[in-house]
Amino acid sequence: MEVVVLNINGQETGRTVSLDEQIFGIEPSTHTVYLEVKQYLAAQRQGTHKSKERAEIAGSTRKIKKQKGTGTARAGSIKSPVFRGGGRVFGPRPRNYSFKLNKAQKRLAKKSVLSQKLADNEIKVIENFTFEAPKTKEFKSLLSNLGLEGKKSLFVLGESNNNVYLSSRNLQKTKVVTTSELNVYDLINASEIIFLEGSLASVQENLSK
């Protein structure tokens, strides 16, 4: 499975890179992708929500009215959930929403998304590049050359490049990650995925284990 390598001007370089069919050509497992996205979003939740239950409410413990003869239900505490200002029944408590997926499932989810993106012609490979200094203008020019203006794009670098990252940081629809930061949620969220030529070997090595 061969893909043409483009330069930063969006032109073909005459070179191609080989993509592993076991990574970019499998039948997608939609349920595994769902589980991976669910886990990613669950891990983003702070889980710091809290409401006071009746034991935590400040208030008198005096019986608020006599037991019988009022014609209404008996009541023993102003902190009862049925009264305004009382405690909440089964209110939210701080908790950790994260859950575990095994490594094989996480790899399968990435392979599934990458295979679907390639089938939809939403993956590009460009030669390695860098900027001499952080320049948003230069990154916008790169997006224009690749026909990515107005599209959500994800750039995957082989290793951290501060100038490239800072150049893209102010662009709302563009995200730059390294291969170690690559996740299924970002892959799905992007309309176009752009791999730098040097990042593909690392991605394929990690997903072929």
N, C-alpha and C. Protein backbone atom coordinates (compact mmCIF):
# COMPACT_ATOMS: atom_id res chain seq x y z
N MET A 1 0.85 -1.19 0.00
CA MET A 1 0.00 0.00 0.00
C MET A 1 0.89 1.24 0.00
N GLU A 2 0.92 1.95 -1.13
CA GLU A 2 1.82 3.09 -1.30
C GLU A 2 1.04 4.41 -1.27
N VAL A 3 1.66 5.41 -0.64
CA VAL A 3 1.08 6.75 -0.59
C VAL A 3 2.14 7.75 -1.04
N VAL A 4 1.72 8.72 -1.86
CA VAL A 4 2.65 9.71 -2.40
C VAL A 4 3.06 10.69 -1.29
N VAL A 5 4.33 11.05 -1.30
CA VAL A 5 4.84 12.04 -0.34
C VAL A 5 4.79 13.42 -0.98
N LEU A 6 4.19 14.38 -0.28
CA LEU A 6 4.10 15.75 -0.76
C LEU A 6 5.15 16.62 -0.08
N ASN A 7 5.50 17.75 -0.72
CA ASN A 7 6.36 18.71 -0.04
C ASN A 7 5.49 19.78 0.61
N ILE A 8 6.11 20.76 1.24
CA ILE A 8 5.33 21.75 1.99
C ILE A 8 4.57 22.70 1.07
N ASN A 9 4.83 22.63 -0.22
CA ASN A 9 4.08 23.43 -1.20
C ASN A 9 2.89 22.66 -1.76
N GLY A 10 2.69 21.44 -1.27
CA GLY A 10 1.57 20.63 -1.73
C GLY A 10 1.83 19.89 -3.03
N GLN A 11 3.09 19.89 -3.46
CA GLN A 11 3.44 19.23 -4.72
C GLN A 11 4.02 17.85 -4.46
N GLU A 12 3.82 16.93 -5.40
CA GLU A 12 4.37 15.59 -5.25
C GLU A 12 5.89 15.61 -5.38
N THR A 13 6.54 14.86 -4.50
CA THR A 13 8.02 14.83 -4.51
C THR A 13 8.56 13.74 -5.43
N GLY A 14 7.69 12.87 -5.93
CA GLY A 14 8.14 11.75 -6.75
C GLY A 14 8.49 10.53 -5.91
N ARG A 15 8.37 10.64 -4.61
CA ARG A 15 8.64 9.52 -3.71
C ARG A 15 7.33 9.00 -3.10
N THR A 16 7.36 7.77 -2.68
CA THR A 16 6.20 7.18 -2.01
C THR A 16 6.66 6.51 -0.71
N VAL A 17 5.73 6.32 0.19
CA VAL A 17 6.01 5.56 1.41
C VAL A 17 5.06 4.38 1.47
N SER A 18 5.52 3.30 2.07
CA SER A 18 4.72 2.08 2.17
C SER A 18 3.98 2.07 3.50
N LEU A 19 2.67 1.82 3.43
CA LEU A 19 1.85 1.71 4.63
C LEU A 19 1.49 0.26 4.88
N ASP A 20 1.62 -0.16 6.12
CA ASP A 20 1.32 -1.54 6.51
C ASP A 20 -0.18 -1.80 6.40
N GLU A 21 -0.56 -2.80 5.62
CA GLU A 21 -1.97 -3.11 5.45
C GLU A 21 -2.61 -3.64 6.74
N GLN A 22 -1.80 -4.16 7.66
CA GLN A 22 -2.32 -4.62 8.94
C GLN A 22 -2.67 -3.46 9.86
N ILE A 23 -2.29 -2.25 9.48
CA ILE A 23 -2.59 -1.05 10.27
C ILE A 23 -3.54 -0.12 9.52
N PHE A 24 -3.29 0.07 8.24
CA PHE A 24 -4.06 1.02 7.44
C PHE A 24 -5.06 0.36 6.50
N GLY A 25 -5.20 -0.97 6.58
CA GLY A 25 -6.10 -1.64 5.64
C GLY A 25 -6.98 -2.70 6.27
N ILE A 26 -7.29 -2.56 7.56
CA ILE A 26 -8.11 -3.57 8.22
C ILE A 26 -9.60 -3.19 8.16
N GLU A 27 -10.45 -4.14 8.52
CA GLU A 27 -11.87 -3.86 8.65
C GLU A 27 -12.10 -3.15 9.99
N PRO A 28 -12.60 -1.92 9.98
CA PRO A 28 -12.72 -1.15 11.23
C PRO A 28 -13.65 -1.81 12.24
N SER A 29 -13.26 -1.75 13.50
CA SER A 29 -14.09 -2.24 14.60
C SER A 29 -14.73 -1.03 15.29
N THR A 30 -15.96 -0.75 14.90
CA THR A 30 -16.61 0.47 15.38
C THR A 30 -16.87 0.42 16.89
N HIS A 31 -17.15 -0.75 17.42
CA HIS A 31 -17.43 -0.83 18.86
C HIS A 31 -16.17 -0.55 19.68
N THR A 32 -15.02 -1.03 19.20
CA THR A 32 -13.76 -0.76 19.90
C THR A 32 -13.44 0.73 19.86
N VAL A 33 -13.71 1.37 18.73
CA VAL A 33 -13.50 2.82 18.62
C VAL A 33 -14.41 3.55 19.60
N TYR A 34 -15.66 3.11 19.69
CA TYR A 34 -16.60 3.71 20.66
C TYR A 34 -16.07 3.61 22.09
N LEU A 35 -15.56 2.45 22.46
CA LEU A 35 -15.05 2.25 23.81
C LEU A 35 -13.84 3.15 24.08
N GLU A 36 -12.98 3.29 23.09
CA GLU A 36 -11.78 4.12 23.26
C GLU A 36 -12.15 5.59 23.42
N VAL A 37 -13.09 6.07 22.60
CA VAL A 37 -13.53 7.47 22.72
C VAL A 37 -14.23 7.68 24.06
N LYS A 38 -15.04 6.72 24.46
CA LYS A 38 -15.73 6.81 25.75
C LYS A 38 -14.72 6.89 26.90
N GLN A 39 -13.66 6.09 26.82
CA GLN A 39 -12.64 6.12 27.87
C GLN A 39 -11.90 7.46 27.89
N TYR A 40 -11.58 7.97 26.70
CA TYR A 40 -10.87 9.25 26.61
C TYR A 40 -11.70 10.37 27.22
N LEU A 41 -12.98 10.43 26.88
CA LEU A 41 -13.84 11.50 27.40
C LEU A 41 -14.09 11.33 28.90
N ALA A 42 -14.21 10.09 29.34
CA ALA A 42 -14.41 9.84 30.77
C ALA A 42 -13.21 10.32 31.58
N ALA A 43 -12.02 10.14 31.02
CA ALA A 43 -10.81 10.55 31.74
C ALA A 43 -10.68 12.06 31.83
N GLN A 44 -11.39 12.80 30.96
CA GLN A 44 -11.34 14.26 31.00
C GLN A 44 -12.21 14.83 32.12
N ARG A 45 -13.14 14.03 32.64
CA ARG A 45 -14.07 14.53 33.64
C ARG A 45 -13.36 14.71 34.98
N GLN A 46 -13.60 15.85 35.63
CA GLN A 46 -12.96 16.12 36.91
C GLN A 46 -13.58 15.31 38.03
N GLY A 47 -14.87 15.11 37.97
CA GLY A 47 -15.53 14.32 39.00
C GLY A 47 -15.53 14.98 40.37
N THR A 48 -15.53 16.31 40.40
CA THR A 48 -15.48 17.03 41.69
C THR A 48 -16.85 17.51 42.14
N HIS A 49 -17.93 17.05 41.48
CA HIS A 49 -19.28 17.47 41.83
C HIS A 49 -19.66 16.96 43.23
N LYS A 50 -20.39 17.78 43.96
CA LYS A 50 -20.78 17.39 45.32
C LYS A 50 -21.98 18.20 45.76
N SER A 51 -22.94 17.54 46.37
CA SER A 51 -24.05 18.23 47.02
C SER A 51 -24.17 17.70 48.45
N LYS A 52 -24.76 18.49 49.33
CA LYS A 52 -24.86 18.09 50.73
C LYS A 52 -26.06 17.18 50.97
N GLU A 53 -25.83 16.12 51.68
CA GLU A 53 -26.91 15.24 52.09
C GLU A 53 -27.37 15.65 53.49
N ARG A 54 -28.41 15.03 54.00
CA ARG A 54 -29.04 15.53 55.22
C ARG A 54 -28.09 15.53 56.42
N ALA A 55 -27.12 14.63 56.44
CA ALA A 55 -26.18 14.57 57.56
C ALA A 55 -25.20 15.74 57.54
N GLU A 56 -25.09 16.41 56.38
CA GLU A 56 -24.11 17.48 56.24
C GLU A 56 -24.73 18.88 56.31
N ILE A 57 -26.04 18.94 56.37
CA ILE A 57 -26.73 20.23 56.43
C ILE A 57 -26.65 20.81 57.85
N ALA A 58 -26.41 22.12 57.93
CA ALA A 58 -26.43 22.81 59.22
C ALA A 58 -27.89 23.14 59.57
N GLY A 59 -28.32 22.70 60.74
CA GLY A 59 -29.69 22.96 61.14
C GLY A 59 -30.01 22.31 62.47
N SER A 60 -31.06 22.76 63.10
CA SER A 60 -31.44 22.24 64.40
C SER A 60 -31.92 20.80 64.28
N THR A 61 -31.69 20.05 65.35
CA THR A 61 -32.19 18.67 65.40
C THR A 61 -33.50 18.59 66.20
N ARG A 62 -34.03 19.74 66.58
CA ARG A 62 -35.28 19.76 67.33
C ARG A 62 -36.42 19.26 66.45
N LYS A 63 -37.31 18.50 67.06
CA LYS A 63 -38.49 18.06 66.32
C LYS A 63 -39.32 19.30 65.97
N ILE A 64 -39.65 19.49 64.70
CA ILE A 64 -40.18 20.78 64.25
C ILE A 64 -41.68 20.95 64.52
N LYS A 65 -42.39 19.87 64.79
CA LYS A 65 -43.81 19.98 65.14
C LYS A 65 -44.23 18.71 65.87
N LYS A 66 -45.37 18.75 66.45
CA LYS A 66 -45.80 17.57 67.21
C LYS A 66 -46.09 16.40 66.27
N GLN A 67 -46.01 15.23 66.84
CA GLN A 67 -46.11 14.02 66.03
C GLN A 67 -47.50 13.84 65.44
N LYS A 68 -48.54 14.13 66.23
CA LYS A 68 -49.90 13.82 65.78
C LYS A 68 -50.80 15.05 65.86
N GLY A 69 -51.85 15.02 65.10
CA GLY A 69 -52.87 16.04 65.22
C GLY A 69 -52.76 17.22 64.28
N THR A 70 -51.73 17.28 63.43
CA THR A 70 -51.58 18.43 62.52
C THR A 70 -52.29 18.21 61.19
N GLY A 71 -52.63 16.98 60.89
CA GLY A 71 -53.27 16.68 59.62
C GLY A 71 -52.30 16.50 58.47
N THR A 72 -51.01 16.68 58.74
CA THR A 72 -49.99 16.48 57.69
C THR A 72 -49.05 15.37 58.12
N ALA A 73 -48.12 15.07 57.26
CA ALA A 73 -47.20 13.97 57.56
C ALA A 73 -46.34 14.31 58.77
N ARG A 74 -45.96 13.28 59.48
CA ARG A 74 -45.09 13.50 60.65
C ARG A 74 -43.71 13.92 60.18
N ALA A 75 -43.03 14.74 60.93
CA ALA A 75 -41.71 15.23 60.56
C ALA A 75 -40.86 15.38 61.81
N GLY A 76 -39.60 14.98 61.70
CA GLY A 76 -38.74 15.02 62.87
C GLY A 76 -37.53 15.92 62.71
N SER A 77 -37.22 16.36 61.46
CA SER A 77 -36.00 17.14 61.27
C SER A 77 -36.18 18.18 60.16
N ILE A 78 -35.68 19.37 60.41
CA ILE A 78 -35.73 20.43 59.40
C ILE A 78 -34.76 20.13 58.25
N LYS A 79 -33.87 19.17 58.48
CA LYS A 79 -32.87 18.80 57.46
C LYS A 79 -33.37 17.72 56.50
N SER A 80 -34.63 17.33 56.67
CA SER A 80 -35.20 16.31 55.81
C SER A 80 -35.22 16.77 54.35
N PRO A 81 -34.96 15.89 53.41
CA PRO A 81 -34.97 16.26 51.98
C PRO A 81 -36.29 16.81 51.47
N VAL A 82 -37.40 16.56 52.18
CA VAL A 82 -38.68 17.05 51.69
C VAL A 82 -38.89 18.53 51.98
N PHE A 83 -38.05 19.12 52.82
CA PHE A 83 -38.18 20.54 53.14
C PHE A 83 -37.18 21.38 52.35
N ARG A 84 -37.58 22.61 52.05
CA ARG A 84 -36.66 23.54 51.40
C ARG A 84 -35.47 23.79 52.32
N GLY A 85 -34.28 23.71 51.77
CA GLY A 85 -33.07 23.88 52.58
C GLY A 85 -32.58 22.59 53.19
N GLY A 86 -33.33 21.51 52.97
CA GLY A 86 -32.90 20.22 53.50
C GLY A 86 -31.83 19.58 52.63
N GLY A 87 -31.36 18.43 53.07
CA GLY A 87 -30.33 17.73 52.32
C GLY A 87 -30.88 17.12 51.04
N ARG A 88 -29.99 16.79 50.14
CA ARG A 88 -30.40 16.18 48.88
C ARG A 88 -30.32 14.66 48.98
N VAL A 89 -31.29 13.99 48.40
CA VAL A 89 -31.30 12.52 48.42
C VAL A 89 -30.41 11.98 47.31
N PHE A 90 -29.48 11.14 47.66
CA PHE A 90 -28.59 10.49 46.69
C PHE A 90 -27.94 11.51 45.75
N GLY A 91 -27.45 12.59 46.31
CA GLY A 91 -26.79 13.62 45.51
C GLY A 91 -25.45 13.16 44.97
N PRO A 92 -24.88 13.91 44.02
CA PRO A 92 -23.59 13.53 43.45
C PRO A 92 -22.47 13.61 44.47
N ARG A 93 -21.55 12.68 44.39
CA ARG A 93 -20.36 12.66 45.25
C ARG A 93 -19.12 12.64 44.38
N PRO A 94 -18.00 13.15 44.87
CA PRO A 94 -16.76 13.10 44.08
C PRO A 94 -16.43 11.66 43.70
N ARG A 95 -16.08 11.47 42.43
CA ARG A 95 -15.75 10.12 41.97
C ARG A 95 -14.82 10.19 40.77
N ASN A 96 -14.18 9.10 40.48
CA ASN A 96 -13.28 8.98 39.34
C ASN A 96 -14.03 8.24 38.23
N TYR A 97 -14.20 8.89 37.08
CA TYR A 97 -14.97 8.30 35.98
C TYR A 97 -14.13 7.41 35.07
N SER A 98 -12.82 7.42 35.23
CA SER A 98 -11.97 6.69 34.29
C SER A 98 -12.16 5.18 34.43
N PHE A 99 -11.92 4.47 33.34
CA PHE A 99 -11.94 3.01 33.36
C PHE A 99 -10.86 2.50 32.43
N LYS A 100 -10.58 1.23 32.50
CA LYS A 100 -9.41 0.67 31.82
C LYS A 100 -9.80 -0.08 30.55
N LEU A 101 -9.00 0.12 29.52
CA LEU A 101 -9.08 -0.72 28.32
C LEU A 101 -7.72 -1.38 28.13
N ASN A 102 -7.70 -2.61 27.69
CA ASN A 102 -6.41 -3.26 27.51
C ASN A 102 -5.70 -2.72 26.25
N LYS A 103 -4.41 -2.96 26.19
CA LYS A 103 -3.59 -2.38 25.13
C LYS A 103 -4.00 -2.87 23.74
N ALA A 104 -4.40 -4.12 23.65
CA ALA A 104 -4.80 -4.67 22.36
C ALA A 104 -6.02 -3.94 21.81
N GLN A 105 -6.97 -3.61 22.68
CA GLN A 105 -8.15 -2.87 22.25
C GLN A 105 -7.78 -1.46 21.81
N LYS A 106 -6.88 -0.82 22.53
CA LYS A 106 -6.49 0.55 22.18
C LYS A 106 -5.77 0.58 20.84
N ARG A 107 -4.93 -0.43 20.58
CA ARG A 107 -4.26 -0.50 19.29
C ARG A 107 -5.25 -0.76 18.16
N LEU A 108 -6.21 -1.66 18.42
CA LEU A 108 -7.21 -1.96 17.40
C LEU A 108 -8.05 -0.73 17.07
N ALA A 109 -8.36 0.08 18.08
CA ALA A 109 -9.15 1.30 17.85
C ALA A 109 -8.39 2.26 16.93
N LYS A 110 -7.10 2.45 17.18
CA LYS A 110 -6.30 3.34 16.33
C LYS A 110 -6.20 2.80 14.90
N LYS A 111 -5.98 1.49 14.79
CA LYS A 111 -5.90 0.89 13.46
C LYS A 111 -7.22 1.07 12.71
N SER A 112 -8.32 0.92 13.42
CA SER A 112 -9.64 1.03 12.78
C SER A 112 -9.86 2.43 12.24
N VAL A 113 -9.51 3.44 13.03
CA VAL A 113 -9.71 4.83 12.59
C VAL A 113 -8.78 5.16 11.43
N LEU A 114 -7.52 4.74 11.53
CA LEU A 114 -6.56 5.02 10.46
C LEU A 114 -6.98 4.33 9.16
N SER A 115 -7.48 3.11 9.25
CA SER A 115 -7.93 2.39 8.06
C SER A 115 -9.11 3.10 7.40
N GLN A 116 -10.06 3.57 8.23
CA GLN A 116 -11.22 4.27 7.69
C GLN A 116 -10.83 5.61 7.08
N LYS A 117 -9.91 6.32 7.74
CA LYS A 117 -9.45 7.61 7.22
C LYS A 117 -8.74 7.44 5.88
N LEU A 118 -7.93 6.39 5.75
CA LEU A 118 -7.23 6.16 4.48
C LEU A 118 -8.23 5.78 3.39
N ALA A 119 -9.23 4.97 3.75
CA ALA A 119 -10.26 4.58 2.78
C ALA A 119 -11.04 5.80 2.31
N ASP A 120 -11.21 6.79 3.20
CA ASP A 120 -11.93 8.01 2.86
C ASP A 120 -11.03 9.08 2.24
N ASN A 121 -9.77 8.71 1.99
CA ASN A 121 -8.80 9.62 1.38
C ASN A 121 -8.58 10.87 2.25
N GLU A 122 -8.49 10.67 3.55
CA GLU A 122 -8.32 11.77 4.49
C GLU A 122 -6.96 11.73 5.19
N ILE A 123 -6.00 11.04 4.57
CA ILE A 123 -4.64 10.97 5.11
C ILE A 123 -3.66 11.47 4.06
N LYS A 124 -2.77 12.37 4.48
CA LYS A 124 -1.70 12.87 3.61
C LYS A 124 -0.36 12.62 4.29
N VAL A 125 0.67 12.44 3.49
CA VAL A 125 2.03 12.31 4.01
C VAL A 125 2.87 13.40 3.38
N ILE A 126 3.55 14.19 4.21
CA ILE A 126 4.41 15.26 3.69
C ILE A 126 5.83 15.06 4.21
N GLU A 127 6.77 15.62 3.49
CA GLU A 127 8.16 15.49 3.91
C GLU A 127 8.39 16.27 5.21
N ASN A 128 9.43 15.87 5.93
CA ASN A 128 9.74 16.53 7.20
C ASN A 128 10.05 18.00 6.97
N PHE A 129 9.61 18.85 7.86
CA PHE A 129 9.88 20.28 7.74
C PHE A 129 10.01 20.88 9.13
N THR A 130 10.54 22.08 9.18
CA THR A 130 10.61 22.84 10.42
C THR A 130 10.60 24.32 10.08
N PHE A 131 10.40 25.15 11.08
CA PHE A 131 10.43 26.60 10.91
C PHE A 131 11.61 27.15 11.70
N GLU A 132 12.21 28.21 11.17
CA GLU A 132 13.34 28.81 11.87
C GLU A 132 12.90 29.51 13.15
N ALA A 133 11.65 29.97 13.16
CA ALA A 133 11.09 30.64 14.33
C ALA A 133 9.58 30.42 14.31
N PRO A 134 8.93 30.54 15.46
CA PRO A 134 7.46 30.39 15.48
C PRO A 134 6.78 31.46 14.65
N LYS A 135 6.10 31.06 13.58
CA LYS A 135 5.41 32.01 12.69
C LYS A 135 4.06 31.43 12.28
N THR A 136 2.99 31.97 12.83
CA THR A 136 1.66 31.49 12.47
C THR A 136 1.39 31.71 10.98
N LYS A 137 1.93 32.79 10.44
CA LYS A 137 1.73 33.10 9.03
C LYS A 137 2.28 31.98 8.15
N GLU A 138 3.45 31.44 8.51
CA GLU A 138 4.04 30.37 7.72
C GLU A 138 3.21 29.10 7.80
N PHE A 139 2.65 28.83 8.98
CA PHE A 139 1.82 27.64 9.10
C PHE A 139 0.53 27.79 8.31
N LYS A 140 -0.05 28.99 8.31
CA LYS A 140 -1.25 29.23 7.51
C LYS A 140 -0.96 29.05 6.02
N SER A 141 0.24 29.46 5.61
CA SER A 141 0.64 29.27 4.22
C SER A 141 0.75 27.78 3.88
N LEU A 142 1.27 26.99 4.84
CA LEU A 142 1.36 25.55 4.65
C LEU A 142 -0.03 24.93 4.50
N LEU A 143 -0.96 25.36 5.34
CA LEU A 143 -2.34 24.85 5.24
C LEU A 143 -2.96 25.18 3.89
N SER A 144 -2.70 26.39 3.41
CA SER A 144 -3.23 26.80 2.12
C SER A 144 -2.66 25.93 0.99
N ASN A 145 -1.35 25.65 1.06
CA ASN A 145 -0.70 24.85 0.01
C ASN A 145 -1.24 23.42 -0.02
N LEU A 146 -1.64 22.92 1.15
CA LEU A 146 -2.13 21.55 1.23
C LEU A 146 -3.65 21.46 1.06
N GLY A 147 -4.29 22.61 0.84
CA GLY A 147 -5.74 22.64 0.66
C GLY A 147 -6.51 22.33 1.94
N LEU A 148 -5.97 22.80 3.07
CA LEU A 148 -6.58 22.49 4.37
C LEU A 148 -7.22 23.70 5.03
N GLU A 149 -7.34 24.79 4.34
CA GLU A 149 -7.94 25.98 4.93
C GLU A 149 -9.42 25.71 5.27
N GLY A 150 -9.79 26.05 6.49
CA GLY A 150 -11.17 25.85 6.91
C GLY A 150 -11.50 24.44 7.33
N LYS A 151 -10.54 23.53 7.27
CA LYS A 151 -10.76 22.14 7.67
C LYS A 151 -10.06 21.85 9.00
N LYS A 152 -10.62 20.92 9.75
CA LYS A 152 -9.94 20.46 10.96
C LYS A 152 -8.79 19.54 10.55
N SER A 153 -7.59 19.91 10.95
CA SER A 153 -6.43 19.13 10.54
C SER A 153 -5.60 18.70 11.75
N LEU A 154 -5.03 17.52 11.66
CA LEU A 154 -4.17 16.99 12.71
C LEU A 154 -2.81 16.65 12.10
N PHE A 155 -1.76 17.33 12.58
CA PHE A 155 -0.40 17.08 12.11
C PHE A 155 0.30 16.16 13.11
N VAL A 156 0.88 15.08 12.60
CA VAL A 156 1.56 14.11 13.46
C VAL A 156 3.06 14.19 13.21
N LEU A 157 3.81 14.62 14.22
CA LEU A 157 5.25 14.77 14.12
C LEU A 157 5.95 13.54 14.70
N GLY A 158 7.13 13.25 14.16
CA GLY A 158 7.91 12.14 14.69
C GLY A 158 8.47 12.44 16.06
N GLU A 159 8.86 13.69 16.28
CA GLU A 159 9.38 14.13 17.57
C GLU A 159 8.97 15.57 17.81
N SER A 160 9.06 16.00 19.04
CA SER A 160 8.60 17.33 19.41
C SER A 160 9.37 18.41 18.66
N ASN A 161 8.63 19.39 18.13
CA ASN A 161 9.23 20.53 17.43
C ASN A 161 8.53 21.79 17.93
N ASN A 162 9.19 22.52 18.79
CA ASN A 162 8.57 23.65 19.46
C ASN A 162 8.14 24.75 18.48
N ASN A 163 8.94 25.00 17.45
CA ASN A 163 8.60 26.07 16.50
C ASN A 163 7.35 25.73 15.71
N VAL A 164 7.21 24.48 15.31
CA VAL A 164 6.02 24.05 14.57
C VAL A 164 4.80 24.10 15.48
N TYR A 165 4.97 23.63 16.71
CA TYR A 165 3.85 23.63 17.66
C TYR A 165 3.37 25.06 17.95
N LEU A 166 4.30 25.96 18.23
CA LEU A 166 3.92 27.34 18.56
C LEU A 166 3.32 28.06 17.35
N SER A 167 3.76 27.69 16.15
CA SER A 167 3.23 28.31 14.94
C SER A 167 1.77 27.94 14.71
N SER A 168 1.36 26.77 15.21
CA SER A 168 0.00 26.29 14.97
C SER A 168 -0.94 26.57 16.13
N ARG A 169 -0.40 27.01 17.26
CA ARG A 169 -1.19 27.06 18.49
C ARG A 169 -2.38 28.02 18.41
N ASN A 170 -2.26 29.09 17.65
CA ASN A 170 -3.34 30.08 17.56
C ASN A 170 -4.38 29.73 16.50
N LEU A 171 -4.17 28.63 15.79
CA LEU A 171 -5.10 28.24 14.73
C LEU A 171 -6.13 27.28 15.31
N GLN A 172 -7.38 27.72 15.32
CA GLN A 172 -8.43 27.00 16.05
C GLN A 172 -8.68 25.59 15.53
N LYS A 173 -8.58 25.39 14.22
CA LYS A 173 -8.95 24.09 13.64
C LYS A 173 -7.74 23.20 13.37
N THR A 174 -6.58 23.58 13.89
CA THR A 174 -5.36 22.81 13.64
C THR A 174 -4.75 22.34 14.95
N LYS A 175 -4.32 21.10 14.98
CA LYS A 175 -3.65 20.57 16.17
C LYS A 175 -2.40 19.83 15.74
N VAL A 176 -1.32 20.00 16.52
CA VAL A 176 -0.06 19.33 16.25
C VAL A 176 0.27 18.42 17.41
N VAL A 177 0.52 17.14 17.13
CA VAL A 177 0.87 16.17 18.17
C VAL A 177 2.08 15.36 17.72
N THR A 178 2.74 14.72 18.67
CA THR A 178 3.80 13.76 18.34
C THR A 178 3.17 12.37 18.31
N THR A 179 3.93 11.40 17.83
CA THR A 179 3.38 10.04 17.73
C THR A 179 3.01 9.48 19.10
N SER A 180 3.73 9.90 20.15
CA SER A 180 3.42 9.40 21.49
C SER A 180 2.15 10.01 22.05
N GLU A 181 1.71 11.15 21.50
CA GLU A 181 0.50 11.83 21.97
C GLU A 181 -0.73 11.48 21.14
N LEU A 182 -0.55 10.69 20.11
CA LEU A 182 -1.63 10.37 19.18
C LEU A 182 -2.73 9.58 19.88
N ASN A 183 -3.97 10.01 19.72
CA ASN A 183 -5.08 9.28 20.33
C ASN A 183 -6.26 9.23 19.37
N VAL A 184 -7.17 8.29 19.64
CA VAL A 184 -8.30 8.03 18.74
C VAL A 184 -9.23 9.22 18.64
N TYR A 185 -9.46 9.92 19.76
CA TYR A 185 -10.38 11.05 19.74
C TYR A 185 -9.89 12.13 18.77
N ASP A 186 -8.60 12.47 18.82
CA ASP A 186 -8.05 13.48 17.90
C ASP A 186 -8.13 13.00 16.45
N LEU A 187 -7.90 11.71 16.23
CA LEU A 187 -7.95 11.17 14.87
C LEU A 187 -9.36 11.30 14.29
N ILE A 188 -10.36 10.97 15.10
CA ILE A 188 -11.74 11.06 14.63
C ILE A 188 -12.16 12.51 14.43
N ASN A 189 -11.71 13.38 15.31
CA ASN A 189 -12.12 14.78 15.30
C ASN A 189 -11.55 15.55 14.11
N ALA A 190 -10.50 15.03 13.49
CA ALA A 190 -9.85 15.74 12.39
C ALA A 190 -10.46 15.33 11.04
N SER A 191 -10.64 16.33 10.18
CA SER A 191 -11.11 16.04 8.82
C SER A 191 -9.97 15.52 7.95
N GLU A 192 -8.76 15.97 8.24
CA GLU A 192 -7.57 15.54 7.50
C GLU A 192 -6.45 15.24 8.48
N ILE A 193 -5.76 14.12 8.26
CA ILE A 193 -4.61 13.75 9.09
C ILE A 193 -3.36 13.84 8.23
N ILE A 194 -2.39 14.61 8.70
CA ILE A 194 -1.16 14.82 7.94
C ILE A 194 0.01 14.23 8.72
N PHE A 195 0.57 13.17 8.19
CA PHE A 195 1.73 12.54 8.81
C PHE A 195 3.00 13.13 8.19
N LEU A 196 3.93 13.55 9.04
CA LEU A 196 5.25 13.87 8.53
C LEU A 196 5.94 12.55 8.21
N GLU A 197 6.75 12.55 7.18
CA GLU A 197 7.35 11.31 6.70
C GLU A 197 8.09 10.57 7.82
N GLY A 198 8.74 11.33 8.69
CA GLY A 198 9.52 10.70 9.77
C GLY A 198 8.68 10.11 10.88
N SER A 199 7.39 10.40 10.91
CA SER A 199 6.54 9.89 12.00
C SER A 199 5.93 8.54 11.68
N LEU A 200 5.86 8.18 10.41
CA LEU A 200 5.17 6.95 10.02
C LEU A 200 5.82 5.69 10.57
N ALA A 201 7.16 5.65 10.56
CA ALA A 201 7.86 4.46 11.04
C ALA A 201 7.53 4.22 12.51
N SER A 202 7.49 5.29 13.31
CA SER A 202 7.20 5.17 14.73
C SER A 202 5.77 4.72 14.95
N VAL A 203 4.81 5.29 14.20
CA VAL A 203 3.40 4.93 14.34
C VAL A 203 3.22 3.45 13.99
N GLN A 204 3.79 3.01 12.89
CA GLN A 204 3.61 1.63 12.45
C GLN A 204 4.30 0.64 13.40
N GLU A 205 5.43 1.05 13.96
CA GLU A 205 6.11 0.20 14.91
C GLU A 205 5.29 0.01 16.19
N ASN A 206 4.70 1.12 16.68
CA ASN A 206 3.92 1.05 17.90
C ASN A 206 2.65 0.22 17.74
N LEU A 207 2.04 0.30 16.56
CA LEU A 207 0.75 -0.38 16.34
C LEU A 207 0.92 -1.81 15.83
N SER A 208 2.12 -2.22 15.51
CA SER A 208 2.33 -3.56 15.00
C SER A 208 2.71 -4.55 16.10
N LYS A 209 2.79 -4.05 17.34
CA LYS A 209 3.20 -4.93 18.46
C LYS A 209 2.08 -5.91 18.78
